[in-house]
Amino acid sequence: MIATLLGGIAASPWMRAALRYGAIALTINLFLLLLRRAGERTGRLIERLETTEKANEIQRRMLEAAARRPRDRGELVDRLRDGGF
């Protein structure tokens, strides 16, 4: 019975045209959804990259500050006396 209905649909030229346009519309919709998903994924990757770059910049500044710190109390006292702290 189902085969008869499908055979009848495929035999009609109007129905074949409707099925063809339906398949084209489905293909276009799937392509647009794929583009949207790829854009969302790209946005997340860009956000992750920016966050990583910020964290790396902060860590670099912390390391530079640690490299400039006084090594011992004597050096700290000398800096405080010179006003260079």
PDB file of N, CA and C in Angstrom:
ATOM      1  N   MET A   1       0.817  -1.180   0.000  1.00  0.00           N
ATOM      2  CA  MET A   1       0.000   0.000   0.000  1.00  0.00           C
ATOM      3  C   MET A   1       0.873   1.260   0.000  1.00  0.00           C
ATOM      4  N   ILE A   2       1.920   1.267   0.844  1.00  0.00           N
ATOM      5  CA  ILE A   2       2.805   2.427   0.883  1.00  0.00           C
ATOM      6  C   ILE A   2       3.560   2.560  -0.443  1.00  0.00           C
ATOM      7  N   ALA A   3       3.966   1.421  -0.992  1.00  0.00           N
ATOM      8  CA  ALA A   3       4.672   1.454  -2.272  1.00  0.00           C
ATOM      9  C   ALA A   3       3.776   2.023  -3.368  1.00  0.00           C
ATOM     10  N   THR A   4       2.505   1.709  -3.320  1.00  0.00           N
ATOM     11  CA  THR A   4       1.565   2.230  -4.309  1.00  0.00           C
ATOM     12  C   THR A   4       1.437   3.752  -4.171  1.00  0.00           C
ATOM     13  N   LEU A   5       1.352   4.239  -2.930  1.00  0.00           N
ATOM     14  CA  LEU A   5       1.244   5.681  -2.718  1.00  0.00           C
ATOM     15  C   LEU A   5       2.507   6.396  -3.194  1.00  0.00           C
ATOM     16  N   LEU A   6       3.663   5.843  -2.838  1.00  0.00           N
ATOM     17  CA  LEU A   6       4.920   6.467  -3.268  1.00  0.00           C
ATOM     18  C   LEU A   6       5.081   6.399  -4.783  1.00  0.00           C
ATOM     19  N   GLY A   7       4.659   5.304  -5.365  1.00  0.00           N
ATOM     20  CA  GLY A   7       4.709   5.181  -6.823  1.00  0.00           C
ATOM     21  C   GLY A   7       3.809   6.204  -7.490  1.00  0.00           C
ATOM     22  N   GLY A   8       2.644   6.441  -6.911  1.00  0.00           N
ATOM     23  CA  GLY A   8       1.715   7.438  -7.448  1.00  0.00           C
ATOM     24  C   GLY A   8       2.277   8.846  -7.322  1.00  0.00           C
ATOM     25  N   ILE A   9       2.974   9.127  -6.205  1.00  0.00           N
ATOM     26  CA  ILE A   9       3.576  10.446  -6.015  1.00  0.00           C
ATOM     27  C   ILE A   9       4.689  10.666  -7.032  1.00  0.00           C
ATOM     28  N   ALA A  10       5.522   9.634  -7.222  1.00  0.00           N
ATOM     29  CA  ALA A  10       6.642   9.765  -8.145  1.00  0.00           C
ATOM     30  C   ALA A  10       6.182   9.846  -9.599  1.00  0.00           C
ATOM     31  N   ALA A  11       5.000   9.340  -9.899  1.00  0.00           N
ATOM     32  CA  ALA A  11       4.517   9.350 -11.279  1.00  0.00           C
ATOM     33  C   ALA A  11       3.995  10.721 -11.693  1.00  0.00           C
ATOM     34  N   SER A  12       3.557  11.513 -10.748  1.00  0.00           N
ATOM     35  CA  SER A  12       2.991  12.817 -11.069  1.00  0.00           C
ATOM     36  C   SER A  12       4.119  13.828 -11.298  1.00  0.00           C
ATOM     37  N   PRO A  13       4.096  14.550 -12.436  1.00  0.00           N
ATOM     38  CA  PRO A  13       5.157  15.523 -12.702  1.00  0.00           C
ATOM     39  C   PRO A  13       5.157  16.668 -11.701  1.00  0.00           C
ATOM     40  N   TRP A  14       3.977  17.040 -11.207  1.00  0.00           N
ATOM     41  CA  TRP A  14       3.907  18.133 -10.226  1.00  0.00           C
ATOM     42  C   TRP A  14       4.533  17.721  -8.900  1.00  0.00           C
ATOM     43  N   MET A  15       4.266  16.494  -8.520  1.00  0.00           N
ATOM     44  CA  MET A  15       4.819  16.010  -7.262  1.00  0.00           C
ATOM     45  C   MET A  15       6.343  15.842  -7.361  1.00  0.00           C
ATOM     46  N   ARG A  16       6.820  15.390  -8.535  1.00  0.00           N
ATOM     47  CA  ARG A  16       8.276  15.283  -8.716  1.00  0.00           C
ATOM     48  C   ARG A  16       8.926  16.651  -8.613  1.00  0.00           C
ATOM     49  N   ALA A  17       8.312  17.660  -9.181  1.00  0.00           N
ATOM     50  CA  ALA A  17       8.854  19.022  -9.096  1.00  0.00           C
ATOM     51  C   ALA A  17       8.827  19.506  -7.647  1.00  0.00           C
ATOM     52  N   ALA A  18       7.726  19.211  -6.936  1.00  0.00           N
ATOM     53  CA  ALA A  18       7.625  19.620  -5.527  1.00  0.00           C
ATOM     54  C   ALA A  18       8.690  18.911  -4.693  1.00  0.00           C
ATOM     55  N   LEU A  19       8.904  17.623  -4.951  1.00  0.00           N
ATOM     56  CA  LEU A  19       9.949  16.887  -4.222  1.00  0.00           C
ATOM     57  C   LEU A  19      11.335  17.438  -4.536  1.00  0.00           C
ATOM     58  N   ARG A  20      11.561  17.796  -5.793  1.00  0.00           N
ATOM     59  CA  ARG A  20      12.849  18.356  -6.187  1.00  0.00           C
ATOM     60  C   ARG A  20      13.103  19.675  -5.453  1.00  0.00           C
ATOM     61  N   TYR A  21      12.102  20.566  -5.455  1.00  0.00           N
ATOM     62  CA  TYR A  21      12.265  21.852  -4.769  1.00  0.00           C
ATOM     63  C   TYR A  21      12.374  21.673  -3.260  1.00  0.00           C
ATOM     64  N   GLY A  22      11.658  20.695  -2.733  1.00  0.00           N
ATOM     65  CA  GLY A  22      11.767  20.394  -1.303  1.00  0.00           C
ATOM     66  C   GLY A  22      13.171  19.921  -0.946  1.00  0.00           C
ATOM     67  N   ALA A  23      13.753  19.082  -1.794  1.00  0.00           N
ATOM     68  CA  ALA A  23      15.116  18.601  -1.547  1.00  0.00           C
ATOM     69  C   ALA A  23      16.120  19.748  -1.630  1.00  0.00           C
ATOM     70  N   ILE A  24      15.902  20.644  -2.579  1.00  0.00           N
ATOM     71  CA  ILE A  24      16.790  21.802  -2.708  1.00  0.00           C
ATOM     72  C   ILE A  24      16.684  22.696  -1.474  1.00  0.00           C
ATOM     73  N   ALA A  25      15.455  22.938  -1.010  1.00  0.00           N
ATOM     74  CA  ALA A  25      15.251  23.781   0.178  1.00  0.00           C
ATOM     75  C   ALA A  25      15.876  23.128   1.412  1.00  0.00           C
ATOM     76  N   LEU A  26      15.724  21.824   1.553  1.00  0.00           N
ATOM     77  CA  LEU A  26      16.321  21.108   2.676  1.00  0.00           C
ATOM     78  C   LEU A  26      17.847  21.213   2.632  1.00  0.00           C
ATOM     79  N   THR A  27      18.415  21.071   1.454  1.00  0.00           N
ATOM     80  CA  THR A  27      19.866  21.174   1.310  1.00  0.00           C
ATOM     81  C   THR A  27      20.362  22.565   1.700  1.00  0.00           C
ATOM     82  N   ILE A  28      19.666  23.587   1.253  1.00  0.00           N
ATOM     83  CA  ILE A  28      20.067  24.961   1.579  1.00  0.00           C
ATOM     84  C   ILE A  28      19.958  25.206   3.083  1.00  0.00           C
ATOM     85  N   ASN A  29      18.870  24.743   3.708  1.00  0.00           N
ATOM     86  CA  ASN A  29      18.711  24.911   5.153  1.00  0.00           C
ATOM     87  C   ASN A  29      19.802  24.199   5.935  1.00  0.00           C
ATOM     88  N   LEU A  30      20.128  22.990   5.537  1.00  0.00           N
ATOM     89  CA  LEU A  30      21.199  22.253   6.216  1.00  0.00           C
ATOM     90  C   LEU A  30      22.541  22.966   6.060  1.00  0.00           C
ATOM     91  N   PHE A  31      22.793  23.519   4.883  1.00  0.00           N
ATOM     92  CA  PHE A  31      24.042  24.257   4.650  1.00  0.00           C
ATOM     93  C   PHE A  31      24.117  25.496   5.534  1.00  0.00           C
ATOM     94  N   LEU A  32      23.003  26.222   5.654  1.00  0.00           N
ATOM     95  CA  LEU A  32      22.975  27.418   6.501  1.00  0.00           C
ATOM     96  C   LEU A  32      23.170  27.061   7.974  1.00  0.00           C
ATOM     97  N   LEU A  33      22.585  25.973   8.411  1.00  0.00           N
ATOM     98  CA  LEU A  33      22.791  25.531   9.793  1.00  0.00           C
ATOM     99  C   LEU A  33      24.246  25.144  10.037  1.00  0.00           C
ATOM    100  N   LEU A  34      24.849  24.513   9.044  1.00  0.00           N
ATOM    101  CA  LEU A  34      26.263  24.147   9.151  1.00  0.00           C
ATOM    102  C   LEU A  34      27.139  25.399   9.254  1.00  0.00           C
ATOM    103  N   LEU A  35      26.842  26.419   8.459  1.00  0.00           N
ATOM    104  CA  LEU A  35      27.600  27.668   8.533  1.00  0.00           C
ATOM    105  C   LEU A  35      27.440  28.331   9.898  1.00  0.00           C
ATOM    106  N   ARG A  36      26.233  28.316  10.421  1.00  0.00           N
ATOM    107  CA  ARG A  36      25.990  28.913  11.744  1.00  0.00           C
ATOM    108  C   ARG A  36      26.785  28.191  12.818  1.00  0.00           C
ATOM    109  N   ARG A  37      26.775  26.882  12.761  1.00  0.00           N
ATOM    110  CA  ARG A  37      27.514  26.094  13.760  1.00  0.00           C
ATOM    111  C   ARG A  37      29.015  26.345  13.645  1.00  0.00           C
ATOM    112  N   ALA A  38      29.512  26.424  12.430  1.00  0.00           N
ATOM    113  CA  ALA A  38      30.940  26.701  12.241  1.00  0.00           C
ATOM    114  C   ALA A  38      31.290  28.090  12.768  1.00  0.00           C
ATOM    115  N   GLY A  39      30.405  29.062  12.572  1.00  0.00           N
ATOM    116  CA  GLY A  39      30.636  30.406  13.096  1.00  0.00           C
ATOM    117  C   GLY A  39      30.654  30.427  14.613  1.00  0.00           C
ATOM    118  N   GLU A  40      29.756  29.685  15.231  1.00  0.00           N
ATOM    119  CA  GLU A  40      29.731  29.614  16.694  1.00  0.00           C
ATOM    120  C   GLU A  40      31.015  28.983  17.211  1.00  0.00           C
ATOM    121  N   ARG A  41      31.461  27.925  16.561  1.00  0.00           N
ATOM    122  CA  ARG A  41      32.692  27.244  16.977  1.00  0.00           C
ATOM    123  C   ARG A  41      33.885  28.173  16.833  1.00  0.00           C
ATOM    124  N   THR A  42      33.919  28.926  15.743  1.00  0.00           N
ATOM    125  CA  THR A  42      35.013  29.879  15.532  1.00  0.00           C
ATOM    126  C   THR A  42      34.994  30.966  16.598  1.00  0.00           C
ATOM    127  N   GLY A  43      33.807  31.433  16.951  1.00  0.00           N
ATOM    128  CA  GLY A  43      33.684  32.443  18.000  1.00  0.00           C
ATOM    129  C   GLY A  43      34.200  31.938  19.337  1.00  0.00           C
ATOM    130  N   ARG A  44      33.876  30.692  19.670  1.00  0.00           N
ATOM    131  CA  ARG A  44      34.364  30.123  20.931  1.00  0.00           C
ATOM    132  C   ARG A  44      35.878  29.990  20.913  1.00  0.00           C
ATOM    133  N   LEU A  45      36.437  29.585  19.776  1.00  0.00           N
ATOM    134  CA  LEU A  45      37.893  29.456  19.684  1.00  0.00           C
ATOM    135  C   LEU A  45      38.582  30.809  19.810  1.00  0.00           C
ATOM    136  N   ILE A  46      38.007  31.839  19.210  1.00  0.00           N
ATOM    137  CA  ILE A  46      38.578  33.188  19.315  1.00  0.00           C
ATOM    138  C   ILE A  46      38.528  33.663  20.760  1.00  0.00           C
ATOM    139  N   GLU A  47      37.399  33.413  21.434  1.00  0.00           N
ATOM    140  CA  GLU A  47      37.273  33.815  22.837  1.00  0.00           C
ATOM    141  C   GLU A  47      38.298  33.089  23.701  1.00  0.00           C
ATOM    142  N   ARG A  48      38.497  31.796  23.451  1.00  0.00           N
ATOM    143  CA  ARG A  48      39.487  31.027  24.217  1.00  0.00           C
ATOM    144  C   ARG A  48      40.890  31.551  23.958  1.00  0.00           C
ATOM    145  N   LEU A  49      41.187  31.904  22.715  1.00  0.00           N
ATOM    146  CA  LEU A  49      42.503  32.449  22.378  1.00  0.00           C
ATOM    147  C   LEU A  49      42.734  33.779  23.091  1.00  0.00           C
ATOM    148  N   GLU A  50      41.737  34.657  23.102  1.00  0.00           N
ATOM    149  CA  GLU A  50      41.872  35.946  23.781  1.00  0.00           C
ATOM    150  C   GLU A  50      42.096  35.759  25.278  1.00  0.00           C
ATOM    151  N   THR A  51      41.367  34.819  25.883  1.00  0.00           N
ATOM    152  CA  THR A  51      41.531  34.554  27.312  1.00  0.00           C
ATOM    153  C   THR A  51      42.938  34.034  27.601  1.00  0.00           C
ATOM    154  N   THR A  52      43.432  33.147  26.752  1.00  0.00           N
ATOM    155  CA  THR A  52      44.777  32.612  26.935  1.00  0.00           C
ATOM    156  C   THR A  52      45.822  33.705  26.774  1.00  0.00           C
ATOM    157  N   GLU A  53      45.637  34.574  25.789  1.00  0.00           N
ATOM    158  CA  GLU A  53      46.590  35.669  25.595  1.00  0.00           C
ATOM    159  C   GLU A  53      46.605  36.606  26.798  1.00  0.00           C
ATOM    160  N   LYS A  54      45.426  36.896  27.370  1.00  0.00           N
ATOM    161  CA  LYS A  54      45.357  37.748  28.565  1.00  0.00           C
ATOM    162  C   LYS A  54      46.095  37.098  29.725  1.00  0.00           C
ATOM    163  N   ALA A  55      45.856  35.807  29.938  1.00  0.00           N
ATOM    164  CA  ALA A  55      46.509  35.098  31.033  1.00  0.00           C
ATOM    165  C   ALA A  55      48.022  35.074  30.829  1.00  0.00           C
ATOM    166  N   ASN A  56      48.469  34.879  29.601  1.00  0.00           N
ATOM    167  CA  ASN A  56      49.907  34.870  29.322  1.00  0.00           C
ATOM    168  C   ASN A  56      50.524  36.244  29.561  1.00  0.00           C
ATOM    169  N   GLU A  57      49.806  37.304  29.201  1.00  0.00           N
ATOM    170  CA  GLU A  57      50.307  38.667  29.421  1.00  0.00           C
ATOM    171  C   GLU A  57      50.440  38.953  30.914  1.00  0.00           C
ATOM    172  N   ILE A  58      49.447  38.542  31.688  1.00  0.00           N
ATOM    173  CA  ILE A  58      49.495  38.751  33.135  1.00  0.00           C
ATOM    174  C   ILE A  58      50.656  37.971  33.740  1.00  0.00           C
ATOM    175  N   GLN A  59      50.826  36.738  33.305  1.00  0.00           N
ATOM    176  CA  GLN A  59      51.932  35.931  33.831  1.00  0.00           C
ATOM    177  C   GLN A  59      53.278  36.534  33.442  1.00  0.00           C
ATOM    178  N   ARG A  60      53.395  37.045  32.234  1.00  0.00           N
ATOM    179  CA  ARG A  60      54.647  37.669  31.803  1.00  0.00           C
ATOM    180  C   ARG A  60      54.965  38.888  32.665  1.00  0.00           C
ATOM    181  N   ARG A  61      53.933  39.711  32.953  1.00  0.00           N
ATOM    182  CA  ARG A  61      54.147  40.883  33.811  1.00  0.00           C
ATOM    183  C   ARG A  61      54.552  40.478  35.223  1.00  0.00           C
ATOM    184  N   MET A  62      53.954  39.416  35.712  1.00  0.00           N
ATOM    185  CA  MET A  62      54.318  38.931  37.043  1.00  0.00           C
ATOM    186  C   MET A  62      55.772  38.451  37.068  1.00  0.00           C
ATOM    187  N   LEU A  63      56.194  37.767  36.027  1.00  0.00           N
ATOM    188  CA  LEU A  63      57.583  37.291  35.966  1.00  0.00           C
ATOM    189  C   LEU A  63      58.561  38.457  35.847  1.00  0.00           C
ATOM    190  N   GLU A  64      58.197  39.475  35.070  1.00  0.00           N
ATOM    191  CA  GLU A  64      59.060  40.658  34.966  1.00  0.00           C
ATOM    192  C   GLU A  64      59.174  41.366  36.304  1.00  0.00           C
ATOM    193  N   ALA A  65      58.051  41.480  37.024  1.00  0.00           N
ATOM    194  CA  ALA A  65      58.074  42.123  38.340  1.00  0.00           C
ATOM    195  C   ALA A  65      58.922  41.307  39.315  1.00  0.00           C
ATOM    196  N   ALA A  66      58.833  39.999  39.231  1.00  0.00           N
ATOM    197  CA  ALA A  66      59.628  39.144  40.115  1.00  0.00           C
ATOM    198  C   ALA A  66      61.119  39.261  39.793  1.00  0.00           C
ATOM    199  N   ALA A  67      61.451  39.472  38.530  1.00  0.00           N
ATOM    200  CA  ALA A  67      62.854  39.609  38.144  1.00  0.00           C
ATOM    201  C   ALA A  67      63.441  40.925  38.642  1.00  0.00           C
ATOM    202  N   ARG A  68      62.595  41.948  38.824  1.00  0.00           N
ATOM    203  CA  ARG A  68      63.073  43.258  39.286  1.00  0.00           C
ATOM    204  C   ARG A  68      63.043  43.404  40.798  1.00  0.00           C
ATOM    205  N   ARG A  69      62.541  42.419  41.524  1.00  0.00           N
ATOM    206  CA  ARG A  69      62.394  42.555  42.975  1.00  0.00           C
ATOM    207  C   ARG A  69      63.764  42.553  43.655  1.00  0.00           C
ATOM    208  N   PRO A  70      63.826  43.103  44.848  1.00  0.00           N
ATOM    209  CA  PRO A  70      65.085  43.076  45.604  1.00  0.00           C
ATOM    210  C   PRO A  70      65.433  41.650  46.010  1.00  0.00           C
ATOM    211  N   ARG A  71      66.714  41.331  45.953  1.00  0.00           N
ATOM    212  CA  ARG A  71      67.155  39.968  46.246  1.00  0.00           C
ATOM    213  C   ARG A  71      67.200  39.683  47.749  1.00  0.00           C
ATOM    214  N   ASP A  72      67.535  40.681  48.528  1.00  0.00           N
ATOM    215  CA  ASP A  72      67.623  40.489  49.977  1.00  0.00           C
ATOM    216  C   ASP A  72      67.249  41.788  50.682  1.00  0.00           C
ATOM    217  N   ARG A  73      67.344  41.753  52.014  1.00  0.00           N
ATOM    218  CA  ARG A  73      66.951  42.933  52.791  1.00  0.00           C
ATOM    219  C   ARG A  73      67.850  44.123  52.518  1.00  0.00           C
ATOM    220  N   GLY A  74      69.137  43.859  52.332  1.00  0.00           N
ATOM    221  CA  GLY A  74      70.071  44.951  52.065  1.00  0.00           C
ATOM    222  C   GLY A  74      69.727  45.692  50.788  1.00  0.00           C
ATOM    223  N   GLU A  75      69.421  44.961  49.758  1.00  0.00           N
ATOM    224  CA  GLU A  75      69.038  45.583  48.485  1.00  0.00           C
ATOM    225  C   GLU A  75      67.723  46.337  48.634  1.00  0.00           C
ATOM    226  N   LEU A  76      66.793  45.804  49.423  1.00  0.00           N
ATOM    227  CA  LEU A  76      65.529  46.490  49.677  1.00  0.00           C
ATOM    228  C   LEU A  76      65.766  47.818  50.391  1.00  0.00           C
ATOM    229  N   VAL A  77      66.642  47.794  51.392  1.00  0.00           N
ATOM    230  CA  VAL A  77      66.960  49.020  52.125  1.00  0.00           C
ATOM    231  C   VAL A  77      67.606  50.039  51.207  1.00  0.00           C
ATOM    232  N   ASP A  78      68.535  49.600  50.356  1.00  0.00           N
ATOM    233  CA  ASP A  78      69.185  50.497  49.409  1.00  0.00           C
ATOM    234  C   ASP A  78      68.172  51.134  48.463  1.00  0.00           C
ATOM    235  N   ARG A  79      67.236  50.357  47.973  1.00  0.00           N
ATOM    236  CA  ARG A  79      66.215  50.903  47.073  1.00  0.00           C
ATOM    237  C   ARG A  79      65.331  51.920  47.795  1.00  0.00           C
ATOM    238  N   LEU A  80      64.953  51.599  49.015  1.00  0.00           N
ATOM    239  CA  LEU A  80      64.108  52.531  49.762  1.00  0.00           C
ATOM    240  C   LEU A  80      64.853  53.837  50.046  1.00  0.00           C
ATOM    241  N   ARG A  81      66.160  53.755  50.334  1.00  0.00           N
ATOM    242  CA  ARG A  81      66.936  54.964  50.590  1.00  0.00           C
ATOM    243  C   ARG A  81      67.080  55.812  49.331  1.00  0.00           C
ATOM    244  N   ASP A  82      67.254  55.148  48.178  1.00  0.00           N
ATOM    245  CA  ASP A  82      67.421  55.865  46.922  1.00  0.00           C
ATOM    246  C   ASP A  82      66.088  56.386  46.378  1.00  0.00           C
ATOM    247  N   GLY A  83      64.986  55.879  46.902  1.00  0.00           N
ATOM    248  CA  GLY A  83      63.666  56.294  46.418  1.00  0.00           C
ATOM    249  C   GLY A  83      63.305  55.659  45.084  1.00  0.00           C
ATOM    250  N   GLY A  84      63.960  54.586  44.748  1.00  0.00           N
ATOM    251  CA  GLY A  84      63.710  53.932  43.459  1.00  0.00           C
ATOM    252  C   GLY A  84      62.713  52.802  43.526  1.00  0.00           C
ATOM    253  N   PHE A  85      62.012  52.657  44.628  1.00  0.00           N
ATOM    254  CA  PHE A  85      61.075  51.542  44.749  1.00  0.00           C
ATOM    255  C   PHE A  85      59.745  51.904  44.146  1.00  0.00           C
TER     256      PHE A  85
END
